[in-house]
Amino acid sequence: GSIADNPGIYIDQSGSNNGLNSSTAQIFGNYNQIKVLQT
């Protein structure tokens, strides 16, 4: 996902109490993108 606006990981959550205490997005390497949106 190294092109703009096209992440390698994209997570979209809407609502309440999401993620709790353990939600993780991770990438190991070069030229990567992560996008997380919580509403």
PDB file of all heavy atoms in Angstrom:
ATOM      1  N   GLY A   1       0.802  -1.210   0.000  1.00  0.00           N
ATOM      2  CA  GLY A   1       0.000   0.000   0.000  1.00  0.00           C
ATOM      3  C   GLY A   1       0.831   1.254   0.000  1.00  0.00           C
ATOM      4  O   GLY A   1       0.510   2.201   0.700  1.00  0.00           O
ATOM      5  N   SER A   2       1.882   1.285  -0.792  1.00  0.00           N
ATOM      6  CA  SER A   2       2.781   2.436  -0.759  1.00  0.00           C
ATOM      7  C   SER A   2       2.326   3.566  -1.667  1.00  0.00           C
ATOM      8  O   SER A   2       2.990   4.584  -1.770  1.00  0.00           O
ATOM      9  CB  SER A   2       4.199   2.009  -1.159  1.00  0.00           C
ATOM     10  OG  SER A   2       4.203   1.383  -2.417  1.00  0.00           O
ATOM     11  N   ILE A   3       1.179   3.406  -2.332  1.00  0.00           N
ATOM     12  CA  ILE A   3       0.610   4.490  -3.119  1.00  0.00           C
ATOM     13  C   ILE A   3      -0.282   5.334  -2.211  1.00  0.00           C
ATOM     14  O   ILE A   3      -1.006   4.815  -1.370  1.00  0.00           O
ATOM     15  CB  ILE A   3      -0.189   3.942  -4.314  1.00  0.00           C
ATOM     16  CG1 ILE A   3       0.767   3.282  -5.322  1.00  0.00           C
ATOM     17  CG2 ILE A   3      -0.999   5.023  -4.998  1.00  0.00           C
ATOM     18  CD1 ILE A   3       0.091   2.685  -6.508  1.00  0.00           C
ATOM     19  N   ALA A   4      -0.269   6.652  -2.381  1.00  0.00           N
ATOM     20  CA  ALA A   4      -1.043   7.552  -1.521  1.00  0.00           C
ATOM     21  C   ALA A   4      -2.509   7.142  -1.483  1.00  0.00           C
ATOM     22  O   ALA A   4      -3.108   6.792  -2.501  1.00  0.00           O
ATOM     23  CB  ALA A   4      -0.906   8.983  -2.032  1.00  0.00           C
ATOM     24  N   ASP A   5      -3.082   7.188  -0.279  1.00  0.00           N
ATOM     25  CA  ASP A   5      -4.498   6.890  -0.034  1.00  0.00           C
ATOM     26  C   ASP A   5      -4.868   5.438  -0.284  1.00  0.00           C
ATOM     27  O   ASP A   5      -6.043   5.099  -0.348  1.00  0.00           O
ATOM     28  CB  ASP A   5      -5.408   7.799  -0.871  1.00  0.00           C
ATOM     29  CG  ASP A   5      -5.207   9.264  -0.554  1.00  0.00           C
ATOM     30  OD1 ASP A   5      -5.008   9.579   0.645  1.00  0.00           O
ATOM     31  OD2 ASP A   5      -5.219  10.091  -1.477  1.00  0.00           O
ATOM     32  N   ASN A   6      -3.905   4.573  -0.442  1.00  0.00           N
ATOM     33  CA  ASN A   6      -4.170   3.146  -0.594  1.00  0.00           C
ATOM     34  C   ASN A   6      -3.285   2.370   0.364  1.00  0.00           C
ATOM     35  O   ASN A   6      -2.274   1.785  -0.024  1.00  0.00           O
ATOM     36  CB  ASN A   6      -3.909   2.714  -2.042  1.00  0.00           C
ATOM     37  CG  ASN A   6      -4.917   3.306  -3.001  1.00  0.00           C
ATOM     38  OD1 ASN A   6      -6.077   2.950  -3.010  1.00  0.00           O
ATOM     39  ND2 ASN A   6      -4.456   4.254  -3.805  1.00  0.00           N
ATOM     40  N   PRO A   7      -3.627   2.380   1.649  1.00  0.00           N
ATOM     41  CA  PRO A   7      -2.732   1.800   2.654  1.00  0.00           C
ATOM     42  C   PRO A   7      -2.640   0.287   2.563  1.00  0.00           C
ATOM     43  O   PRO A   7      -3.564  -0.389   2.105  1.00  0.00           O
ATOM     44  CB  PRO A   7      -3.380   2.231   3.972  1.00  0.00           C
ATOM     45  CG  PRO A   7      -4.810   2.431   3.625  1.00  0.00           C
ATOM     46  CD  PRO A   7      -4.832   2.953   2.228  1.00  0.00           C
ATOM     47  N   GLY A   8      -1.511  -0.242   3.040  1.00  0.00           N
ATOM     48  CA  GLY A   8      -1.370  -1.684   3.126  1.00  0.00           C
ATOM     49  C   GLY A   8      -2.373  -2.286   4.088  1.00  0.00           C
ATOM     50  O   GLY A   8      -2.930  -3.357   3.842  1.00  0.00           O
ATOM     51  N   ILE A   9      -2.614  -1.617   5.210  1.00  0.00           N
ATOM     52  CA  ILE A   9      -3.667  -1.999   6.157  1.00  0.00           C
ATOM     53  C   ILE A   9      -4.599  -0.817   6.327  1.00  0.00           C
ATOM     54  O   ILE A   9      -4.157   0.288   6.638  1.00  0.00           O
ATOM     55  CB  ILE A   9      -3.088  -2.400   7.527  1.00  0.00           C
ATOM     56  CG1 ILE A   9      -2.206  -3.652   7.410  1.00  0.00           C
ATOM     57  CG2 ILE A   9      -4.210  -2.644   8.534  1.00  0.00           C
ATOM     58  CD1 ILE A   9      -1.527  -4.052   8.710  1.00  0.00           C
ATOM     59  N   TYR A  10      -5.892  -1.042   6.125  1.00  0.00           N
ATOM     60  CA  TYR A  10      -6.903  -0.004   6.341  1.00  0.00           C
ATOM     61  C   TYR A  10      -7.985  -0.589   7.225  1.00  0.00           C
ATOM     62  O   TYR A  10      -8.635  -1.570   6.873  1.00  0.00           O
ATOM     63  CB  TYR A  10      -7.491   0.455   5.015  1.00  0.00           C
ATOM     64  CG  TYR A  10      -8.557   1.545   5.140  1.00  0.00           C
ATOM     65  CD1 TYR A  10      -8.642   2.359   6.261  1.00  0.00           C
ATOM     66  CD2 TYR A  10      -9.479   1.760   4.122  1.00  0.00           C
ATOM     67  CE1 TYR A  10      -9.593   3.350   6.364  1.00  0.00           C
ATOM     68  CE2 TYR A  10     -10.439   2.754   4.212  1.00  0.00           C
ATOM     69  CZ  TYR A  10     -10.496   3.542   5.333  1.00  0.00           C
ATOM     70  OH  TYR A  10     -11.450   4.526   5.445  1.00  0.00           O
ATOM     71  N   ILE A  11      -8.181   0.022   8.405  1.00  0.00           N
ATOM     72  CA  ILE A  11      -9.182  -0.442   9.365  1.00  0.00           C
ATOM     73  C   ILE A  11     -10.166   0.683   9.624  1.00  0.00           C
ATOM     74  O   ILE A  11      -9.764   1.803   9.954  1.00  0.00           O
ATOM     75  CB  ILE A  11      -8.523  -0.915  10.668  1.00  0.00           C
ATOM     76  CG1 ILE A  11      -7.653  -2.150  10.375  1.00  0.00           C
ATOM     77  CG2 ILE A  11      -9.575  -1.242  11.726  1.00  0.00           C
ATOM     78  CD1 ILE A  11      -6.845  -2.632  11.540  1.00  0.00           C
ATOM     79  N   ASP A  12     -11.452   0.389   9.483  1.00  0.00           N
ATOM     80  CA  ASP A  12     -12.523   1.376   9.631  1.00  0.00           C
ATOM     81  C   ASP A  12     -13.528   0.840  10.647  1.00  0.00           C
ATOM     82  O   ASP A  12     -14.186  -0.178  10.406  1.00  0.00           O
ATOM     83  CB  ASP A  12     -13.195   1.611   8.272  1.00  0.00           C
ATOM     84  CG  ASP A  12     -14.223   2.734   8.296  1.00  0.00           C
ATOM     85  OD1 ASP A  12     -14.537   3.230   9.396  1.00  0.00           O
ATOM     86  OD2 ASP A  12     -14.713   3.110   7.216  1.00  0.00           O
ATOM     87  N   GLN A  13     -13.620   1.502  11.798  1.00  0.00           N
ATOM     88  CA  GLN A  13     -14.563   1.104  12.841  1.00  0.00           C
ATOM     89  C   GLN A  13     -15.489   2.266  13.167  1.00  0.00           C
ATOM     90  O   GLN A  13     -15.033   3.407  13.303  1.00  0.00           O
ATOM     91  CB  GLN A  13     -13.838   0.683  14.122  1.00  0.00           C
ATOM     92  CG  GLN A  13     -13.026  -0.592  14.007  1.00  0.00           C
ATOM     93  CD  GLN A  13     -12.311  -0.929  15.301  1.00  0.00           C
ATOM     94  OE1 GLN A  13     -11.816  -0.051  16.001  1.00  0.00           O
ATOM     95  NE2 GLN A  13     -12.249  -2.205  15.650  1.00  0.00           N
ATOM     96  N   SER A  14     -16.789   1.984  13.302  1.00  0.00           N
ATOM     97  CA  SER A  14     -17.724   2.998  13.768  1.00  0.00           C
ATOM     98  C   SER A  14     -18.580   2.399  14.873  1.00  0.00           C
ATOM     99  O   SER A  14     -19.004   1.255  14.793  1.00  0.00           O
ATOM    100  CB  SER A  14     -18.599   3.518  12.621  1.00  0.00           C
ATOM    101  OG  SER A  14     -19.366   2.488  12.045  1.00  0.00           O
ATOM    102  N   GLY A  15     -18.828   3.190  15.901  1.00  0.00           N
ATOM    103  CA  GLY A  15     -19.551   2.723  17.069  1.00  0.00           C
ATOM    104  C   GLY A  15     -18.777   3.071  18.323  1.00  0.00           C
ATOM    105  O   GLY A  15     -17.890   3.925  18.307  1.00  0.00           O
ATOM    106  N   SER A  16     -19.097   2.405  19.411  1.00  0.00           N
ATOM    107  CA  SER A  16     -18.479   2.732  20.695  1.00  0.00           C
ATOM    108  C   SER A  16     -17.785   1.524  21.301  1.00  0.00           C
ATOM    109  O   SER A  16     -18.139   0.375  21.031  1.00  0.00           O
ATOM    110  CB  SER A  16     -19.544   3.248  21.671  1.00  0.00           C
ATOM    111  OG  SER A  16     -20.164   4.412  21.154  1.00  0.00           O
ATOM    112  N   ASN A  17     -16.796   1.815  22.138  1.00  0.00           N
ATOM    113  CA  ASN A  17     -16.050   0.781  22.859  1.00  0.00           C
ATOM    114  C   ASN A  17     -15.399  -0.229  21.919  1.00  0.00           C
ATOM    115  O   ASN A  17     -15.211  -1.394  22.276  1.00  0.00           O
ATOM    116  CB  ASN A  17     -16.960   0.047  23.857  1.00  0.00           C
ATOM    117  CG  ASN A  17     -17.527   0.975  24.895  1.00  0.00           C
ATOM    118  OD1 ASN A  17     -16.811   1.725  25.536  1.00  0.00           O
ATOM    119  ND2 ASN A  17     -18.844   0.950  25.045  1.00  0.00           N
ATOM    120  N   ASN A  18     -15.059   0.206  20.707  1.00  0.00           N
ATOM    121  CA  ASN A  18     -14.355  -0.672  19.789  1.00  0.00           C
ATOM    122  C   ASN A  18     -12.863  -0.607  20.060  1.00  0.00           C
ATOM    123  O   ASN A  18     -12.342   0.377  20.550  1.00  0.00           O
ATOM    124  CB  ASN A  18     -14.650  -0.271  18.343  1.00  0.00           C
ATOM    125  CG  ASN A  18     -16.116  -0.474  17.982  1.00  0.00           C
ATOM    126  OD1 ASN A  18     -16.674  -1.541  18.217  1.00  0.00           O
ATOM    127  ND2 ASN A  18     -16.744   0.548  17.437  1.00  0.00           N
ATOM    128  N   GLY A  19     -12.183  -1.657  19.698  1.00  0.00           N
ATOM    129  CA  GLY A  19     -10.755  -1.736  19.968  1.00  0.00           C
ATOM    130  C   GLY A  19     -10.459  -2.331  21.319  1.00  0.00           C
ATOM    131  O   GLY A  19      -9.470  -3.029  21.485  1.00  0.00           O
ATOM    132  N   LEU A  20     -11.322  -2.057  22.310  1.00  0.00           N
ATOM    133  CA  LEU A  20     -11.085  -2.516  23.671  1.00  0.00           C
ATOM    134  C   LEU A  20      -9.660  -2.192  24.083  1.00  0.00           C
ATOM    135  O   LEU A  20      -9.191  -1.083  23.874  1.00  0.00           O
ATOM    136  CB  LEU A  20     -11.422  -4.012  23.779  1.00  0.00           C
ATOM    137  CG  LEU A  20     -12.883  -4.361  23.413  1.00  0.00           C
ATOM    138  CD1 LEU A  20     -13.134  -5.844  23.542  1.00  0.00           C
ATOM    139  CD2 LEU A  20     -13.872  -3.579  24.246  1.00  0.00           C
ATOM    140  N   ASN A  21      -8.932  -3.126  24.642  1.00  0.00           N
ATOM    141  CA  ASN A  21      -7.577  -2.807  25.111  1.00  0.00           C
ATOM    142  C   ASN A  21      -6.494  -3.470  24.274  1.00  0.00           C
ATOM    143  O   ASN A  21      -5.325  -3.433  24.639  1.00  0.00           O
ATOM    144  CB  ASN A  21      -7.418  -3.261  26.570  1.00  0.00           C
ATOM    145  CG  ASN A  21      -8.338  -2.505  27.496  1.00  0.00           C
ATOM    146  OD1 ASN A  21      -8.485  -1.295  27.369  1.00  0.00           O
ATOM    147  ND2 ASN A  21      -8.965  -3.209  28.412  1.00  0.00           N
ATOM    148  N   SER A  22      -6.890  -4.071  23.130  1.00  0.00           N
ATOM    149  CA  SER A  22      -5.898  -4.926  22.495  1.00  0.00           C
ATOM    150  C   SER A  22      -5.829  -4.795  20.984  1.00  0.00           C
ATOM    151  O   SER A  22      -5.220  -5.632  20.331  1.00  0.00           O
ATOM    152  CB  SER A  22      -6.198  -6.401  22.841  1.00  0.00           C
ATOM    153  OG  SER A  22      -7.507  -6.746  22.445  1.00  0.00           O
ATOM    154  N   SER A  23      -6.445  -3.800  20.384  1.00  0.00           N
ATOM    155  CA  SER A  23      -6.470  -3.718  18.930  1.00  0.00           C
ATOM    156  C   SER A  23      -5.166  -3.138  18.392  1.00  0.00           C
ATOM    157  O   SER A  23      -4.739  -2.056  18.801  1.00  0.00           O
ATOM    158  CB  SER A  23      -7.656  -2.874  18.463  1.00  0.00           C
ATOM    159  OG  SER A  23      -8.852  -3.597  18.630  1.00  0.00           O
ATOM    160  N   THR A  24      -4.557  -3.849  17.438  1.00  0.00           N
ATOM    161  CA  THR A  24      -3.255  -3.470  16.917  1.00  0.00           C
ATOM    162  C   THR A  24      -3.215  -3.651  15.408  1.00  0.00           C
ATOM    163  O   THR A  24      -3.670  -4.664  14.884  1.00  0.00           O
ATOM    164  CB  THR A  24      -2.144  -4.347  17.540  1.00  0.00           C
ATOM    165  OG1 THR A  24      -2.159  -4.195  18.955  1.00  0.00           O
ATOM    166  CG2 THR A  24      -0.779  -3.960  17.004  1.00  0.00           C
ATOM    167  N   ALA A  25      -2.654  -2.659  14.712  1.00  0.00           N
ATOM    168  CA  ALA A  25      -2.299  -2.794  13.304  1.00  0.00           C
ATOM    169  C   ALA A  25      -0.803  -2.596  13.189  1.00  0.00           C
ATOM    170  O   ALA A  25      -0.258  -1.620  13.717  1.00  0.00           O
ATOM    171  CB  ALA A  25      -3.041  -1.768  12.452  1.00  0.00           C
ATOM    172  N   GLN A  26      -0.117  -3.510  12.499  1.00  0.00           N
ATOM    173  CA  GLN A  26       1.337  -3.418  12.453  1.00  0.00           C
ATOM    174  C   GLN A  26       1.863  -3.902  11.100  1.00  0.00           C
ATOM    175  O   GLN A  26       1.324  -4.819  10.496  1.00  0.00           O
ATOM    176  CB  GLN A  26       1.967  -4.237  13.580  1.00  0.00           C
ATOM    177  CG  GLN A  26       1.616  -5.725  13.554  1.00  0.00           C
ATOM    178  CD  GLN A  26       2.062  -6.457  14.794  1.00  0.00           C
ATOM    179  OE1 GLN A  26       2.263  -5.873  15.852  1.00  0.00           O
ATOM    180  NE2 GLN A  26       2.244  -7.772  14.683  1.00  0.00           N
ATOM    181  N   ILE A  27       2.914  -3.223  10.637  1.00  0.00           N
ATOM    182  CA  ILE A  27       3.618  -3.637   9.420  1.00  0.00           C
ATOM    183  C   ILE A  27       5.110  -3.599   9.698  1.00  0.00           C
ATOM    184  O   ILE A  27       5.632  -2.627  10.251  1.00  0.00           O
ATOM    185  CB  ILE A  27       3.299  -2.727   8.218  1.00  0.00           C
ATOM    186  CG1 ILE A  27       1.808  -2.811   7.840  1.00  0.00           C
ATOM    187  CG2 ILE A  27       4.140  -3.123   7.011  1.00  0.00           C
ATOM    188  CD1 ILE A  27       1.441  -2.002   6.613  1.00  0.00           C
ATOM    189  N   PHE A  28       5.801  -4.666   9.317  1.00  0.00           N
ATOM    190  CA  PHE A  28       7.252  -4.737   9.456  1.00  0.00           C
ATOM    191  C   PHE A  28       7.870  -4.773   8.063  1.00  0.00           C
ATOM    192  O   PHE A  28       7.610  -5.683   7.282  1.00  0.00           O
ATOM    193  CB  PHE A  28       7.650  -5.985  10.251  1.00  0.00           C
ATOM    194  CG  PHE A  28       6.953  -6.081  11.585  1.00  0.00           C
ATOM    195  CD1 PHE A  28       6.167  -7.174  11.894  1.00  0.00           C
ATOM    196  CD2 PHE A  28       7.070  -5.063  12.520  1.00  0.00           C
ATOM    197  CE1 PHE A  28       5.520  -7.263  13.118  1.00  0.00           C
ATOM    198  CE2 PHE A  28       6.429  -5.144  13.753  1.00  0.00           C
ATOM    199  CZ  PHE A  28       5.652  -6.241  14.046  1.00  0.00           C
ATOM    200  N   GLY A  29       8.668  -3.784   7.740  1.00  0.00           N
ATOM    201  CA  GLY A  29       9.289  -3.688   6.429  1.00  0.00           C
ATOM    202  C   GLY A  29       9.369  -2.239   6.010  1.00  0.00           C
ATOM    203  O   GLY A  29       9.213  -1.318   6.821  1.00  0.00           O
ATOM    204  N   ASN A  30       9.592  -2.001   4.727  1.00  0.00           N
ATOM    205  CA  ASN A  30       9.799  -0.658   4.198  1.00  0.00           C
ATOM    206  C   ASN A  30       8.695  -0.272   3.210  1.00  0.00           C
ATOM    207  O   ASN A  30       8.073  -1.131   2.582  1.00  0.00           O
ATOM    208  CB  ASN A  30      11.159  -0.581   3.488  1.00  0.00           C
ATOM    209  CG  ASN A  30      12.306  -0.998   4.382  1.00  0.00           C
ATOM    210  OD1 ASN A  30      12.365  -0.620   5.550  1.00  0.00           O
ATOM    211  ND2 ASN A  30      13.222  -1.791   3.855  1.00  0.00           N
ATOM    212  N   TYR A  31       8.471   1.034   3.087  1.00  0.00           N
ATOM    213  CA  TYR A  31       7.540   1.589   2.105  1.00  0.00           C
ATOM    214  C   TYR A  31       6.122   1.036   2.300  1.00  0.00           C
ATOM    215  O   TYR A  31       5.446   0.640   1.359  1.00  0.00           O
ATOM    216  CB  TYR A  31       8.011   1.292   0.670  1.00  0.00           C
ATOM    217  CG  TYR A  31       9.434   1.684   0.400  1.00  0.00           C
ATOM    218  CD1 TYR A  31      10.424   0.704   0.295  1.00  0.00           C
ATOM    219  CD2 TYR A  31       9.802   3.012   0.291  1.00  0.00           C
ATOM    220  CE1 TYR A  31      11.746   1.049   0.077  1.00  0.00           C
ATOM    221  CE2 TYR A  31      11.127   3.379   0.068  1.00  0.00           C
ATOM    222  CZ  TYR A  31      12.093   2.391  -0.034  1.00  0.00           C
ATOM    223  OH  TYR A  31      13.400   2.729  -0.256  1.00  0.00           O
ATOM    224  N   ASN A  32       5.658   1.025   3.544  1.00  0.00           N
ATOM    225  CA  ASN A  32       4.332   0.519   3.873  1.00  0.00           C
ATOM    226  C   ASN A  32       3.460   1.634   4.442  1.00  0.00           C
ATOM    227  O   ASN A  32       3.953   2.644   4.929  1.00  0.00           O
ATOM    228  CB  ASN A  32       4.435  -0.607   4.911  1.00  0.00           C
ATOM    229  CG  ASN A  32       5.224  -1.785   4.403  1.00  0.00           C
ATOM    230  OD1 ASN A  32       4.945  -2.307   3.333  1.00  0.00           O
ATOM    231  ND2 ASN A  32       6.242  -2.199   5.158  1.00  0.00           N
ATOM    232  N   GLN A  33       2.132   1.419   4.381  1.00  0.00           N
ATOM    233  CA  GLN A  33       1.190   2.386   4.940  1.00  0.00           C
ATOM    234  C   GLN A  33       0.152   1.680   5.788  1.00  0.00           C
ATOM    235  O   GLN A  33      -0.317   0.589   5.445  1.00  0.00           O
ATOM    236  CB  GLN A  33       0.468   3.153   3.829  1.00  0.00           C
ATOM    237  CG  GLN A  33       1.344   4.104   3.044  1.00  0.00           C
ATOM    238  CD  GLN A  33       0.525   4.992   2.119  1.00  0.00           C
ATOM    239  OE1 GLN A  33      -0.639   5.243   2.369  1.00  0.00           O
ATOM    240  NE2 GLN A  33       1.141   5.459   1.054  1.00  0.00           N
ATOM    241  N   ILE A  34      -0.223   2.321   6.896  1.00  0.00           N
ATOM    242  CA  ILE A  34      -1.337   1.891   7.739  1.00  0.00           C
ATOM    243  C   ILE A  34      -2.290   3.066   7.905  1.00  0.00           C
ATOM    244  O   ILE A  34      -1.851   4.187   8.187  1.00  0.00           O
ATOM    245  CB  ILE A  34      -0.867   1.422   9.130  1.00  0.00           C
ATOM    246  CG1 ILE A  34       0.011   0.183   9.021  1.00  0.00           C
ATOM    247  CG2 ILE A  34      -2.069   1.139  10.045  1.00  0.00           C
ATOM    248  CD1 ILE A  34       0.594  -0.273  10.360  1.00  0.00           C
ATOM    249  N   LYS A  35      -3.575   2.816   7.766  1.00  0.00           N
ATOM    250  CA  LYS A  35      -4.592   3.829   8.026  1.00  0.00           C
ATOM    251  C   LYS A  35      -5.666   3.235   8.926  1.00  0.00           C
ATOM    252  O   LYS A  35      -6.198   2.159   8.640  1.00  0.00           O
ATOM    253  CB  LYS A  35      -5.231   4.319   6.725  1.00  0.00           C
ATOM    254  CG  LYS A  35      -6.310   5.376   6.938  1.00  0.00           C
ATOM    255  CD  LYS A  35      -6.875   5.866   5.609  1.00  0.00           C
ATOM    256  CE  LYS A  35      -7.941   6.938   5.814  1.00  0.00           C
ATOM    257  NZ  LYS A  35      -8.468   7.432   4.504  1.00  0.00           N
ATOM    258  N   VAL A  36      -5.964   3.924  10.037  1.00  0.00           N
ATOM    259  CA  VAL A  36      -7.019   3.503  10.957  1.00  0.00           C
ATOM    260  C   VAL A  36      -7.982   4.671  11.143  1.00  0.00           C
ATOM    261  O   VAL A  36      -7.547   5.787  11.467  1.00  0.00           O
ATOM    262  CB  VAL A  36      -6.451   3.060  12.318  1.00  0.00           C
ATOM    263  CG1 VAL A  36      -7.591   2.716  13.287  1.00  0.00           C
ATOM    264  CG2 VAL A  36      -5.518   1.861  12.157  1.00  0.00           C
ATOM    265  N   LEU A  37      -9.274   4.422  10.937  1.00  0.00           N
ATOM    266  CA  LEU A  37     -10.323   5.421  11.157  1.00  0.00           C
ATOM    267  C   LEU A  37     -11.315   4.857  12.159  1.00  0.00           C
ATOM    268  O   LEU A  37     -11.901   3.793  11.936  1.00  0.00           O
ATOM    269  CB  LEU A  37     -11.027   5.759   9.841  1.00  0.00           C
ATOM    270  CG  LEU A  37     -12.272   6.638   9.941  1.00  0.00           C
ATOM    271  CD1 LEU A  37     -11.931   8.014  10.513  1.00  0.00           C
ATOM    272  CD2 LEU A  37     -12.945   6.784   8.579  1.00  0.00           C
ATOM    273  N   GLN A  38     -11.501   5.558  13.276  1.00  0.00           N
ATOM    274  CA  GLN A  38     -12.487   5.181  14.284  1.00  0.00           C
ATOM    275  C   GLN A  38     -13.444   6.347  14.495  1.00  0.00           C
ATOM    276  O   GLN A  38     -13.013   7.473  14.759  1.00  0.00           O
ATOM    277  CB  GLN A  38     -11.816   4.819  15.608  1.00  0.00           C
ATOM    278  CG  GLN A  38     -11.029   3.512  15.567  1.00  0.00           C
ATOM    279  CD  GLN A  38     -10.454   3.153  16.924  1.00  0.00           C
ATOM    280  OE1 GLN A  38      -9.816   3.960  17.587  1.00  0.00           O
ATOM    281  NE2 GLN A  38     -10.684   1.915  17.355  1.00  0.00           N
ATOM    282  N   THR A  39     -14.740   6.065  14.383  1.00  0.00           N
ATOM    283  CA  THR A  39     -15.779   7.066  14.582  1.00  0.00           C
ATOM    284  C   THR A  39     -16.671   6.617  15.732  1.00  0.00           C
ATOM    285  O   THR A  39     -17.278   5.543  15.659  1.00  0.00           O
ATOM    286  CB  THR A  39     -16.615   7.265  13.305  1.00  0.00           C
ATOM    287  OG1 THR A  39     -15.752   7.581  12.217  1.00  0.00           O
ATOM    288  CG2 THR A  39     -17.618   8.385  13.492  1.00  0.00           C
TER     289      THR A  39
END
